[in-house]
Amino acid sequence: RRLTDLNRCALAFGSFGQIAACLRVIGAHPEIMLLKTSQGKMRFDDEYDASESGGYRDVQISVRIDTAWTREHGLDKVLCEVQLHHAEFYERKTKGGGHTAYVTQRNMRGR
């Protein structure tokens, strides 16, 4: 195992259209560098096996922020994970025990 992200944030949206709009804004921003994400993180892909995450789905992207300030402070290489959730999934994750179940299942698989 290795450290893959130092910062993680989660954003919840009321619709999939809002998630798509957010992705377009992030993708078009000149100071946000989108990084290739592993196939296992593509939880809305038709080929994703939802049993891997207990049925849970979200969008996970990894980014780096490349500005004069981040370069000056040596932070332009820091990986940040951004999770984009539909509000109903997020509610189940945070208040319905979904995340705890996912972590338990993941740990049982040794990941």
PDB file of N, CA and C in Angstrom:
ATOM      1  N   ARG A   1       0.832  -1.186   0.000  1.00  0.00           N
ATOM      2  CA  ARG A   1       0.000   0.000   0.000  1.00  0.00           C
ATOM      3  C   ARG A   1       0.870   1.240   0.000  1.00  0.00           C
ATOM      4  N   ARG A   2       0.325   2.320  -0.567  1.00  0.00           N
ATOM      5  CA  ARG A   2       1.050   3.570  -0.574  1.00  0.00           C
ATOM      6  C   ARG A   2       0.061   4.714  -0.398  1.00  0.00           C
ATOM      7  N   LEU A   3       0.548   5.817   0.070  1.00  0.00           N
ATOM      8  CA  LEU A   3      -0.277   6.999   0.243  1.00  0.00           C
ATOM      9  C   LEU A   3      -0.677   7.515  -1.130  1.00  0.00           C
ATOM     10  N   THR A   4      -1.970   7.708  -1.338  1.00  0.00           N
ATOM     11  CA  THR A   4      -2.414   8.151  -2.654  1.00  0.00           C
ATOM     12  C   THR A   4      -3.077   9.522  -2.643  1.00  0.00           C
ATOM     13  N   ASP A   5      -3.600   9.945  -1.515  1.00  0.00           N
ATOM     14  CA  ASP A   5      -4.157  11.289  -1.471  1.00  0.00           C
ATOM     15  C   ASP A   5      -3.953  11.873  -0.079  1.00  0.00           C
ATOM     16  N   LEU A   6      -3.716  13.151  -0.033  1.00  0.00           N
ATOM     17  CA  LEU A   6      -3.503  13.839   1.232  1.00  0.00           C
ATOM     18  C   LEU A   6      -4.717  14.654   1.645  1.00  0.00           C
ATOM     19  N   ASN A   7      -5.596  14.862   0.710  1.00  0.00           N
ATOM     20  CA  ASN A   7      -6.770  15.672   0.963  1.00  0.00           C
ATOM     21  C   ASN A   7      -7.939  15.015   0.262  1.00  0.00           C
ATOM     22  N   ARG A   8      -9.067  14.962   0.944  1.00  0.00           N
ATOM     23  CA  ARG A   8     -10.254  14.381   0.349  1.00  0.00           C
ATOM     24  C   ARG A   8     -11.432  15.270   0.705  1.00  0.00           C
ATOM     25  N   CYS A   9     -12.287  15.489  -0.270  1.00  0.00           N
ATOM     26  CA  CYS A   9     -13.502  16.238   0.015  1.00  0.00           C
ATOM     27  C   CYS A   9     -14.666  15.567  -0.681  1.00  0.00           C
ATOM     28  N   ALA A  10     -15.844  15.802  -0.160  1.00  0.00           N
ATOM     29  CA  ALA A  10     -17.063  15.229  -0.719  1.00  0.00           C
ATOM     30  C   ALA A  10     -18.063  16.344  -0.964  1.00  0.00           C
ATOM     31  N   LEU A  11     -18.686  16.287  -2.136  1.00  0.00           N
ATOM     32  CA  LEU A  11     -19.728  17.244  -2.498  1.00  0.00           C
ATOM     33  C   LEU A  11     -20.980  16.450  -2.839  1.00  0.00           C
ATOM     34  N   ALA A  12     -22.127  16.888  -2.335  1.00  0.00           N
ATOM     35  CA  ALA A  12     -23.389  16.203  -2.606  1.00  0.00           C
ATOM     36  C   ALA A  12     -24.279  17.086  -3.474  1.00  0.00           C
ATOM     37  N   PHE A  13     -24.948  16.460  -4.446  1.00  0.00           N
ATOM     38  CA  PHE A  13     -25.781  17.169  -5.413  1.00  0.00           C
ATOM     39  C   PHE A  13     -27.176  16.565  -5.450  1.00  0.00           C
ATOM     40  N   GLY A  14     -28.138  17.376  -5.811  1.00  0.00           N
ATOM     41  CA  GLY A  14     -29.522  16.929  -5.871  1.00  0.00           C
ATOM     42  C   GLY A  14     -29.882  16.186  -7.138  1.00  0.00           C
ATOM     43  N   SER A  15     -29.010  16.220  -8.147  1.00  0.00           N
ATOM     44  CA  SER A  15     -29.316  15.528  -9.395  1.00  0.00           C
ATOM     45  C   SER A  15     -28.017  15.098 -10.081  1.00  0.00           C
ATOM     46  N   PHE A  16     -28.153  14.134 -10.986  1.00  0.00           N
ATOM     47  CA  PHE A  16     -26.996  13.699 -11.759  1.00  0.00           C
ATOM     48  C   PHE A  16     -26.565  14.789 -12.731  1.00  0.00           C
ATOM     49  N   GLY A  17     -27.519  15.605 -13.185  1.00  0.00           N
ATOM     50  CA  GLY A  17     -27.182  16.734 -14.049  1.00  0.00           C
ATOM     51  C   GLY A  17     -26.262  17.720 -13.357  1.00  0.00           C
ATOM     52  N   GLN A  18     -26.485  17.940 -12.061  1.00  0.00           N
ATOM     53  CA  GLN A  18     -25.612  18.834 -11.295  1.00  0.00           C
ATOM     54  C   GLN A  18     -24.219  18.238 -11.148  1.00  0.00           C
ATOM     55  N   ILE A  19     -24.141  16.930 -10.967  1.00  0.00           N
ATOM     56  CA  ILE A  19     -22.827  16.271 -10.893  1.00  0.00           C
ATOM     57  C   ILE A  19     -22.092  16.466 -12.214  1.00  0.00           C
ATOM     58  N   ALA A  20     -22.790  16.260 -13.326  1.00  0.00           N
ATOM     59  CA  ALA A  20     -22.180  16.420 -14.647  1.00  0.00           C
ATOM     60  C   ALA A  20     -21.711  17.857 -14.855  1.00  0.00           C
ATOM     61  N   ALA A  21     -22.516  18.829 -14.428  1.00  0.00           N
ATOM     62  CA  ALA A  21     -22.130  20.241 -14.574  1.00  0.00           C
ATOM     63  C   ALA A  21     -20.875  20.534 -13.760  1.00  0.00           C
ATOM     64  N   CYS A  22     -20.787  19.996 -12.557  1.00  0.00           N
ATOM     65  CA  CYS A  22     -19.607  20.194 -11.721  1.00  0.00           C
ATOM     66  C   CYS A  22     -18.373  19.600 -12.398  1.00  0.00           C
ATOM     67  N   LEU A  23     -18.503  18.415 -12.963  1.00  0.00           N
ATOM     68  CA  LEU A  23     -17.377  17.790 -13.664  1.00  0.00           C
ATOM     69  C   LEU A  23     -16.910  18.639 -14.843  1.00  0.00           C
ATOM     70  N   ARG A  24     -17.862  19.225 -15.555  1.00  0.00           N
ATOM     71  CA  ARG A  24     -17.488  20.086 -16.685  1.00  0.00           C
ATOM     72  C   ARG A  24     -16.699  21.303 -16.202  1.00  0.00           C
ATOM     73  N   VAL A  25     -17.134  21.910 -15.095  1.00  0.00           N
ATOM     74  CA  VAL A  25     -16.440  23.086 -14.552  1.00  0.00           C
ATOM     75  C   VAL A  25     -15.034  22.708 -14.094  1.00  0.00           C
ATOM     76  N   ILE A  26     -14.918  21.598 -13.365  1.00  0.00           N
ATOM     77  CA  ILE A  26     -13.599  21.150 -12.901  1.00  0.00           C
ATOM     78  C   ILE A  26     -12.696  20.860 -14.098  1.00  0.00           C
ATOM     79  N   GLY A  27     -13.233  20.153 -15.091  1.00  0.00           N
ATOM     80  CA  GLY A  27     -12.441  19.792 -16.263  1.00  0.00           C
ATOM     81  C   GLY A  27     -11.973  20.982 -17.081  1.00  0.00           C
ATOM     82  N   ALA A  28     -12.741  22.068 -17.052  1.00  0.00           N
ATOM     83  CA  ALA A  28     -12.394  23.253 -17.841  1.00  0.00           C
ATOM     84  C   ALA A  28     -11.509  24.240 -17.091  1.00  0.00           C
ATOM     85  N   HIS A  29     -11.353  24.054 -15.791  1.00  0.00           N
ATOM     86  CA  HIS A  29     -10.590  25.018 -14.987  1.00  0.00           C
ATOM     87  C   HIS A  29      -9.098  24.885 -15.282  1.00  0.00           C
ATOM     88  N   PRO A  30      -8.449  25.959 -15.665  1.00  0.00           N
ATOM     89  CA  PRO A  30      -7.034  25.867 -16.071  1.00  0.00           C
ATOM     90  C   PRO A  30      -6.060  25.548 -14.931  1.00  0.00           C
ATOM     91  N   GLU A  31      -6.463  25.753 -13.688  1.00  0.00           N
ATOM     92  CA  GLU A  31      -5.548  25.499 -12.569  1.00  0.00           C
ATOM     93  C   GLU A  31      -5.802  24.159 -11.884  1.00  0.00           C
ATOM     94  N   ILE A  32      -6.782  23.419 -12.366  1.00  0.00           N
ATOM     95  CA  ILE A  32      -7.084  22.110 -11.795  1.00  0.00           C
ATOM     96  C   ILE A  32      -6.645  21.048 -12.793  1.00  0.00           C
ATOM     97  N   MET A  33      -5.704  20.217 -12.385  1.00  0.00           N
ATOM     98  CA  MET A  33      -5.187  19.149 -13.236  1.00  0.00           C
ATOM     99  C   MET A  33      -5.900  17.851 -12.874  1.00  0.00           C
ATOM    100  N   LEU A  34      -6.713  17.342 -13.781  1.00  0.00           N
ATOM    101  CA  LEU A  34      -7.369  16.055 -13.575  1.00  0.00           C
ATOM    102  C   LEU A  34      -6.372  14.941 -13.816  1.00  0.00           C
ATOM    103  N   LEU A  35      -6.374  13.937 -12.947  1.00  0.00           N
ATOM    104  CA  LEU A  35      -5.456  12.815 -13.062  1.00  0.00           C
ATOM    105  C   LEU A  35      -6.222  11.557 -13.439  1.00  0.00           C
ATOM    106  N   LYS A  36      -5.560  10.644 -14.086  1.00  0.00           N
ATOM    107  CA  LYS A  36      -6.201   9.381 -14.452  1.00  0.00           C
ATOM    108  C   LYS A  36      -6.594   8.641 -13.184  1.00  0.00           C
ATOM    109  N   THR A  37      -7.817   8.173 -13.165  1.00  0.00           N
ATOM    110  CA  THR A  37      -8.356   7.458 -12.018  1.00  0.00           C
ATOM    111  C   THR A  37      -8.421   5.976 -12.349  1.00  0.00           C
ATOM    112  N   SER A  38      -8.167   5.137 -11.369  1.00  0.00           N
ATOM    113  CA  SER A  38      -8.212   3.700 -11.606  1.00  0.00           C
ATOM    114  C   SER A  38      -9.624   3.262 -11.969  1.00  0.00           C
ATOM    115  N   GLN A  39      -9.718   2.206 -12.730  1.00  0.00           N
ATOM    116  CA  GLN A  39     -11.014   1.705 -13.185  1.00  0.00           C
ATOM    117  C   GLN A  39     -11.918   1.359 -12.006  1.00  0.00           C
ATOM    118  N   GLY A  40     -11.344   0.918 -10.888  1.00  0.00           N
ATOM    119  CA  GLY A  40     -12.128   0.568  -9.706  1.00  0.00           C
ATOM    120  C   GLY A  40     -12.837   1.740  -9.067  1.00  0.00           C
ATOM    121  N   LYS A  41     -12.425   2.953  -9.416  1.00  0.00           N
ATOM    122  CA  LYS A  41     -13.060   4.154  -8.876  1.00  0.00           C
ATOM    123  C   LYS A  41     -14.190   4.671  -9.772  1.00  0.00           C
ATOM    124  N   MET A  42     -14.386   4.023 -10.916  1.00  0.00           N
ATOM    125  CA  MET A  42     -15.416   4.450 -11.869  1.00  0.00           C
ATOM    126  C   MET A  42     -16.743   3.795 -11.486  1.00  0.00           C
ATOM    127  N   ARG A  43     -17.351   4.262 -10.430  1.00  0.00           N
ATOM    128  CA  ARG A  43     -18.505   3.576  -9.849  1.00  0.00           C
ATOM    129  C   ARG A  43     -19.831   3.809 -10.575  1.00  0.00           C
ATOM    130  N   PHE A  44     -19.841   4.647 -11.610  1.00  0.00           N
ATOM    131  CA  PHE A  44     -21.047   4.787 -12.430  1.00  0.00           C
ATOM    132  C   PHE A  44     -20.858   4.130 -13.797  1.00  0.00           C
ATOM    133  N   ASP A  45     -19.709   3.537 -14.028  1.00  0.00           N
ATOM    134  CA  ASP A  45     -19.453   2.835 -15.280  1.00  0.00           C
ATOM    135  C   ASP A  45     -20.393   1.625 -15.370  1.00  0.00           C
ATOM    136  N   ASP A  46     -20.925   1.375 -16.555  1.00  0.00           N
ATOM    137  CA  ASP A  46     -21.825   0.234 -16.748  1.00  0.00           C
ATOM    138  C   ASP A  46     -21.175  -1.087 -16.380  1.00  0.00           C
ATOM    139  N   GLU A  47     -19.867  -1.181 -16.516  1.00  0.00           N
ATOM    140  CA  GLU A  47     -19.162  -2.419 -16.234  1.00  0.00           C
ATOM    141  C   GLU A  47     -18.718  -2.536 -14.768  1.00  0.00           C
ATOM    142  N   TYR A  48     -18.994  -1.505 -13.969  1.00  0.00           N
ATOM    143  CA  TYR A  48     -18.597  -1.545 -12.559  1.00  0.00           C
ATOM    144  C   TYR A  48     -19.441  -2.564 -11.805  1.00  0.00           C
ATOM    145  N   ASP A  49     -18.800  -3.419 -11.048  1.00  0.00           N
ATOM    146  CA  ASP A  49     -19.487  -4.412 -10.226  1.00  0.00           C
ATOM    147  C   ASP A  49     -19.844  -3.764  -8.895  1.00  0.00           C
ATOM    148  N   ALA A  50     -21.098  -3.363  -8.765  1.00  0.00           N
ATOM    149  CA  ALA A  50     -21.532  -2.623  -7.568  1.00  0.00           C
ATOM    150  C   ALA A  50     -21.417  -3.451  -6.292  1.00  0.00           C
ATOM    151  N   SER A  51     -21.281  -4.773  -6.425  1.00  0.00           N
ATOM    152  CA  SER A  51     -21.096  -5.578  -5.211  1.00  0.00           C
ATOM    153  C   SER A  51     -19.753  -5.262  -4.557  1.00  0.00           C
ATOM    154  N   GLU A  52     -18.810  -4.699  -5.342  1.00  0.00           N
ATOM    155  CA  GLU A  52     -17.509  -4.301  -4.797  1.00  0.00           C
ATOM    156  C   GLU A  52     -17.646  -3.210  -3.739  1.00  0.00           C
ATOM    157  N   SER A  53     -18.715  -2.418  -3.828  1.00  0.00           N
ATOM    158  CA  SER A  53     -18.897  -1.300  -2.891  1.00  0.00           C
ATOM    159  C   SER A  53     -20.216  -1.416  -2.142  1.00  0.00           C
ATOM    160  N   GLY A  54     -20.740  -2.629  -2.035  1.00  0.00           N
ATOM    161  CA  GLY A  54     -21.994  -2.814  -1.321  1.00  0.00           C
ATOM    162  C   GLY A  54     -23.159  -2.114  -2.001  1.00  0.00           C
ATOM    163  N   GLY A  55     -23.088  -1.935  -3.323  1.00  0.00           N
ATOM    164  CA  GLY A  55     -24.142  -1.256  -4.069  1.00  0.00           C
ATOM    165  C   GLY A  55     -23.973   0.247  -4.150  1.00  0.00           C
ATOM    166  N   TYR A  56     -22.986   0.758  -3.439  1.00  0.00           N
ATOM    167  CA  TYR A  56     -22.776   2.207  -3.394  1.00  0.00           C
ATOM    168  C   TYR A  56     -22.121   2.698  -4.671  1.00  0.00           C
ATOM    169  N   ARG A  57     -22.514   3.884  -5.115  1.00  0.00           N
ATOM    170  CA  ARG A  57     -21.923   4.489  -6.310  1.00  0.00           C
ATOM    171  C   ARG A  57     -21.692   5.976  -6.077  1.00  0.00           C
ATOM    172  N   ASP A  58     -20.574   6.461  -6.612  1.00  0.00           N
ATOM    173  CA  ASP A  58     -20.275   7.890  -6.599  1.00  0.00           C
ATOM    174  C   ASP A  58     -19.269   8.158  -7.712  1.00  0.00           C
ATOM    175  N   VAL A  59     -18.899   9.403  -7.864  1.00  0.00           N
ATOM    176  CA  VAL A  59     -17.859   9.782  -8.818  1.00  0.00           C
ATOM    177  C   VAL A  59     -16.648  10.193  -8.000  1.00  0.00           C
ATOM    178  N   GLN A  60     -15.517   9.590  -8.281  1.00  0.00           N
ATOM    179  CA  GLN A  60     -14.278   9.953  -7.592  1.00  0.00           C
ATOM    180  C   GLN A  60     -13.259  10.394  -8.625  1.00  0.00           C
ATOM    181  N   ILE A  61     -12.726  11.569  -8.406  1.00  0.00           N
ATOM    182  CA  ILE A  61     -11.662  12.057  -9.282  1.00  0.00           C
ATOM    183  C   ILE A  61     -10.488  12.488  -8.426  1.00  0.00           C
ATOM    184  N   SER A  62      -9.325  12.430  -9.018  1.00  0.00           N
ATOM    185  CA  SER A  62      -8.120  12.920  -8.350  1.00  0.00           C
ATOM    186  C   SER A  62      -7.638  14.146  -9.111  1.00  0.00           C
ATOM    187  N   VAL A  63      -7.251  15.156  -8.353  1.00  0.00           N
ATOM    188  CA  VAL A  63      -6.808  16.405  -8.968  1.00  0.00           C
ATOM    189  C   VAL A  63      -5.545  16.906  -8.276  1.00  0.00           C
ATOM    190  N   ARG A  64      -4.872  17.786  -8.981  1.00  0.00           N
ATOM    191  CA  ARG A  64      -3.784  18.583  -8.412  1.00  0.00           C
ATOM    192  C   ARG A  64      -4.119  20.030  -8.730  1.00  0.00           C
ATOM    193  N   ILE A  65      -3.779  20.918  -7.832  1.00  0.00           N
ATOM    194  CA  ILE A  65      -4.008  22.340  -8.045  1.00  0.00           C
ATOM    195  C   ILE A  65      -2.671  22.960  -8.445  1.00  0.00           C
ATOM    196  N   ASP A  66      -2.623  23.521  -9.628  1.00  0.00           N
ATOM    197  CA  ASP A  66      -1.379  24.073 -10.165  1.00  0.00           C
ATOM    198  C   ASP A  66      -1.517  25.583 -10.339  1.00  0.00           C
ATOM    199  N   THR A  67      -1.070  26.305  -9.316  1.00  0.00           N
ATOM    200  CA  THR A  67      -1.067  27.761  -9.352  1.00  0.00           C
ATOM    201  C   THR A  67       0.331  28.247  -8.980  1.00  0.00           C
ATOM    202  N   ALA A  68       0.575  29.514  -9.167  1.00  0.00           N
ATOM    203  CA  ALA A  68       1.867  30.070  -8.746  1.00  0.00           C
ATOM    204  C   ALA A  68       2.070  29.837  -7.249  1.00  0.00           C
ATOM    205  N   TRP A  69       1.011  30.002  -6.468  1.00  0.00           N
ATOM    206  CA  TRP A  69       1.112  29.839  -5.013  1.00  0.00           C
ATOM    207  C   TRP A  69       1.435  28.394  -4.648  1.00  0.00           C
ATOM    208  N   THR A  70       0.729  27.414  -5.272  1.00  0.00           N
ATOM    209  CA  THR A  70       1.009  26.016  -4.922  1.00  0.00           C
ATOM    210  C   THR A  70       2.417  25.617  -5.355  1.00  0.00           C
ATOM    211  N   ARG A  71       2.878  26.124  -6.505  1.00  0.00           N
ATOM    212  CA  ARG A  71       4.247  25.820  -6.938  1.00  0.00           C
ATOM    213  C   ARG A  71       5.253  26.446  -5.978  1.00  0.00           C
ATOM    214  N   GLU A  72       5.015  27.687  -5.581  1.00  0.00           N
ATOM    215  CA  GLU A  72       5.934  28.386  -4.662  1.00  0.00           C
ATOM    216  C   GLU A  72       6.047  27.661  -3.329  1.00  0.00           C
ATOM    217  N   HIS A  73       4.968  27.063  -2.871  1.00  0.00           N
ATOM    218  CA  HIS A  73       4.966  26.380  -1.579  1.00  0.00           C
ATOM    219  C   HIS A  73       5.159  24.866  -1.690  1.00  0.00           C
ATOM    220  N   GLY A  74       5.488  24.390  -2.878  1.00  0.00           N
ATOM    221  CA  GLY A  74       5.749  22.970  -3.073  1.00  0.00           C
ATOM    222  C   GLY A  74       4.514  22.097  -2.935  1.00  0.00           C
ATOM    223  N   LEU A  75       3.346  22.660  -3.206  1.00  0.00           N
ATOM    224  CA  LEU A  75       2.097  21.918  -3.042  1.00  0.00           C
ATOM    225  C   LEU A  75       1.443  21.548  -4.370  1.00  0.00           C
ATOM    226  N   ASP A  76       2.073  21.842  -5.459  1.00  0.00           N
ATOM    227  CA  ASP A  76       1.468  21.590  -6.770  1.00  0.00           C
ATOM    228  C   ASP A  76       1.424  20.110  -7.139  1.00  0.00           C
ATOM    229  N   LYS A  77       2.103  19.266  -6.381  1.00  0.00           N
ATOM    230  CA  LYS A  77       2.089  17.822  -6.646  1.00  0.00           C
ATOM    231  C   LYS A  77       1.204  17.065  -5.663  1.00  0.00           C
ATOM    232  N   VAL A  78       0.569  17.761  -4.741  1.00  0.00           N
ATOM    233  CA  VAL A  78      -0.284  17.109  -3.748  1.00  0.00           C
ATOM    234  C   VAL A  78      -1.548  16.598  -4.441  1.00  0.00           C
ATOM    235  N   LEU A  79      -1.857  15.336  -4.205  1.00  0.00           N
ATOM    236  CA  LEU A  79      -3.059  14.728  -4.763  1.00  0.00           C
ATOM    237  C   LEU A  79      -4.252  15.034  -3.871  1.00  0.00           C
ATOM    238  N   CYS A  80      -5.339  15.369  -4.502  1.00  0.00           N
ATOM    239  CA  CYS A  80      -6.591  15.617  -3.787  1.00  0.00           C
ATOM    240  C   CYS A  80      -7.665  14.730  -4.399  1.00  0.00           C
ATOM    241  N   GLU A  81      -8.371  13.999  -3.563  1.00  0.00           N
ATOM    242  CA  GLU A  81      -9.489  13.197  -4.046  1.00  0.00           C
ATOM    243  C   GLU A  81     -10.767  14.000  -3.871  1.00  0.00           C
ATOM    244  N   VAL A  82     -11.551  14.083  -4.931  1.00  0.00           N
ATOM    245  CA  VAL A  82     -12.832  14.787  -4.892  1.00  0.00           C
ATOM    246  C   VAL A  82     -13.910  13.749  -5.154  1.00  0.00           C
ATOM    247  N   GLN A  83     -14.826  13.620  -4.211  1.00  0.00           N
ATOM    248  CA  GLN A  83     -15.935  12.681  -4.349  1.00  0.00           C
ATOM    249  C   GLN A  83     -17.196  13.474  -4.638  1.00  0.00           C
ATOM    250  N   LEU A  84     -17.897  13.099  -5.706  1.00  0.00           N
ATOM    251  CA  LEU A  84     -19.146  13.746  -6.078  1.00  0.00           C
ATOM    252  C   LEU A  84     -20.269  12.734  -5.860  1.00  0.00           C
ATOM    253  N   HIS A  85     -21.209  13.094  -5.001  1.00  0.00           N
ATOM    254  CA  HIS A  85     -22.266  12.174  -4.590  1.00  0.00           C
ATOM    255  C   HIS A  85     -23.639  12.705  -4.994  1.00  0.00           C
ATOM    256  N   HIS A  86     -24.522  11.804  -5.346  1.00  0.00           N
ATOM    257  CA  HIS A  86     -25.931  12.168  -5.409  1.00  0.00           C
ATOM    258  C   HIS A  86     -26.383  12.246  -3.946  1.00  0.00           C
ATOM    259  N   ALA A  87     -27.197  13.241  -3.625  1.00  0.00           N
ATOM    260  CA  ALA A  87     -27.582  13.489  -2.222  1.00  0.00           C
ATOM    261  C   ALA A  87     -28.211  12.262  -1.558  1.00  0.00           C
ATOM    262  N   GLU A  88     -28.987  11.497  -2.306  1.00  0.00           N
ATOM    263  CA  GLU A  88     -29.626  10.321  -1.702  1.00  0.00           C
ATOM    264  C   GLU A  88     -28.595   9.257  -1.337  1.00  0.00           C
ATOM    265  N   PHE A  89     -27.609   9.033  -2.184  1.00  0.00           N
ATOM    266  CA  PHE A  89     -26.535   8.093  -1.846  1.00  0.00           C
ATOM    267  C   PHE A  89     -25.729   8.619  -0.661  1.00  0.00           C
ATOM    268  N   TYR A  90     -25.443   9.911  -0.678  1.00  0.00           N
ATOM    269  CA  TYR A  90     -24.638  10.497   0.394  1.00  0.00           C
ATOM    270  C   TYR A  90     -25.338  10.354   1.742  1.00  0.00           C
ATOM    271  N   GLU A  91     -26.640  10.548   1.750  1.00  0.00           N
ATOM    272  CA  GLU A  91     -27.420  10.402   2.988  1.00  0.00           C
ATOM    273  C   GLU A  91     -27.288   8.978   3.519  1.00  0.00           C
ATOM    274  N   ARG A  92     -27.395   8.011   2.632  1.00  0.00           N
ATOM    275  CA  ARG A  92     -27.272   6.615   3.063  1.00  0.00           C
ATOM    276  C   ARG A  92     -25.849   6.296   3.528  1.00  0.00           C
ATOM    277  N   LYS A  93     -24.890   6.911   2.870  1.00  0.00           N
ATOM    278  CA  LYS A  93     -23.487   6.688   3.235  1.00  0.00           C
ATOM    279  C   LYS A  93     -23.206   7.222   4.629  1.00  0.00           C
ATOM    280  N   THR A  94     -23.636   8.449   4.897  1.00  0.00           N
ATOM    281  CA  THR A  94     -23.252   9.114   6.141  1.00  0.00           C
ATOM    282  C   THR A  94     -24.187   8.834   7.315  1.00  0.00           C
ATOM    283  N   LYS A  95     -25.467   8.636   7.045  1.00  0.00           N
ATOM    284  CA  LYS A  95     -26.413   8.462   8.148  1.00  0.00           C
ATOM    285  C   LYS A  95     -27.057   7.086   8.182  1.00  0.00           C
ATOM    286  N   GLY A  96     -26.929   6.355   7.094  1.00  0.00           N
ATOM    287  CA  GLY A  96     -27.591   5.059   7.029  1.00  0.00           C
ATOM    288  C   GLY A  96     -26.673   3.882   7.269  1.00  0.00           C
ATOM    289  N   GLY A  97     -25.437   4.134   7.660  1.00  0.00           N
ATOM    290  CA  GLY A  97     -24.497   3.050   7.927  1.00  0.00           C
ATOM    291  C   GLY A  97     -23.826   2.484   6.697  1.00  0.00           C
ATOM    292  N   GLY A  98     -24.084   3.083   5.551  1.00  0.00           N
ATOM    293  CA  GLY A  98     -23.531   2.569   4.304  1.00  0.00           C
ATOM    294  C   GLY A  98     -22.019   2.575   4.257  1.00  0.00           C
ATOM    295  N   HIS A  99     -21.396   3.638   4.741  1.00  0.00           N
ATOM    296  CA  HIS A  99     -19.938   3.704   4.678  1.00  0.00           C
ATOM    297  C   HIS A  99     -19.309   2.689   5.607  1.00  0.00           C
ATOM    298  N   THR A 100     -19.877   2.509   6.775  1.00  0.00           N
ATOM    299  CA  THR A 100     -19.359   1.518   7.723  1.00  0.00           C
ATOM    300  C   THR A 100     -19.424   0.126   7.114  1.00  0.00           C
ATOM    301  N   ALA A 101     -20.540  -0.182   6.441  1.00  0.00           N
ATOM    302  CA  ALA A 101     -20.680  -1.489   5.795  1.00  0.00           C
ATOM    303  C   ALA A 101     -19.660  -1.651   4.683  1.00  0.00           C
ATOM    304  N   TYR A 102     -19.426  -0.597   3.912  1.00  0.00           N
ATOM    305  CA  TYR A 102     -18.450  -0.644   2.826  1.00  0.00           C
ATOM    306  C   TYR A 102     -17.037  -0.895   3.382  1.00  0.00           C
ATOM    307  N   VAL A 103     -16.654  -0.173   4.421  1.00  0.00           N
ATOM    308  CA  VAL A 103     -15.317  -0.333   4.997  1.00  0.00           C
ATOM    309  C   VAL A 103     -15.144  -1.749   5.536  1.00  0.00           C
ATOM    310  N   THR A 104     -16.158  -2.268   6.201  1.00  0.00           N
ATOM    311  CA  THR A 104     -16.093  -3.630   6.729  1.00  0.00           C
ATOM    312  C   THR A 104     -15.894  -4.625   5.595  1.00  0.00           C
ATOM    313  N   GLN A 105     -16.687  -4.482   4.530  1.00  0.00           N
ATOM    314  CA  GLN A 105     -16.570  -5.392   3.388  1.00  0.00           C
ATOM    315  C   GLN A 105     -15.202  -5.264   2.722  1.00  0.00           C
ATOM    316  N   ARG A 106     -14.741  -4.035   2.532  1.00  0.00           N
ATOM    317  CA  ARG A 106     -13.441  -3.812   1.900  1.00  0.00           C
ATOM    318  C   ARG A 106     -12.328  -4.448   2.726  1.00  0.00           C
ATOM    319  N   ASN A 107     -12.379  -4.265   4.047  1.00  0.00           N
ATOM    320  CA  ASN A 107     -11.352  -4.815   4.920  1.00  0.00           C
ATOM    321  C   ASN A 107     -11.381  -6.347   4.935  1.00  0.00           C
ATOM    322  N   MET A 108     -12.566  -6.910   4.818  1.00  0.00           N
ATOM    323  CA  MET A 108     -12.673  -8.371   4.769  1.00  0.00           C
ATOM    324  C   MET A 108     -12.059  -8.921   3.490  1.00  0.00           C
ATOM    325  N   ARG A 109     -12.087  -8.139   2.422  1.00  0.00           N
ATOM    326  CA  ARG A 109     -11.460  -8.555   1.168  1.00  0.00           C
ATOM    327  C   ARG A 109      -9.957  -8.272   1.175  1.00  0.00           C
ATOM    328  N   GLY A 110      -9.479  -7.594   2.223  1.00  0.00           N
ATOM    329  CA  GLY A 110      -8.055  -7.328   2.340  1.00  0.00           C
ATOM    330  C   GLY A 110      -7.564  -6.181   1.472  1.00  0.00           C
ATOM    331  N   ARG A 111      -8.432  -5.190   1.241  1.00  0.00           N
ATOM    332  CA  ARG A 111      -8.040  -4.049   0.390  1.00  0.00           C
ATOM    333  C   ARG A 111      -7.876  -2.811   1.220  1.00  0.00           C
TER     334      ARG A 111
END
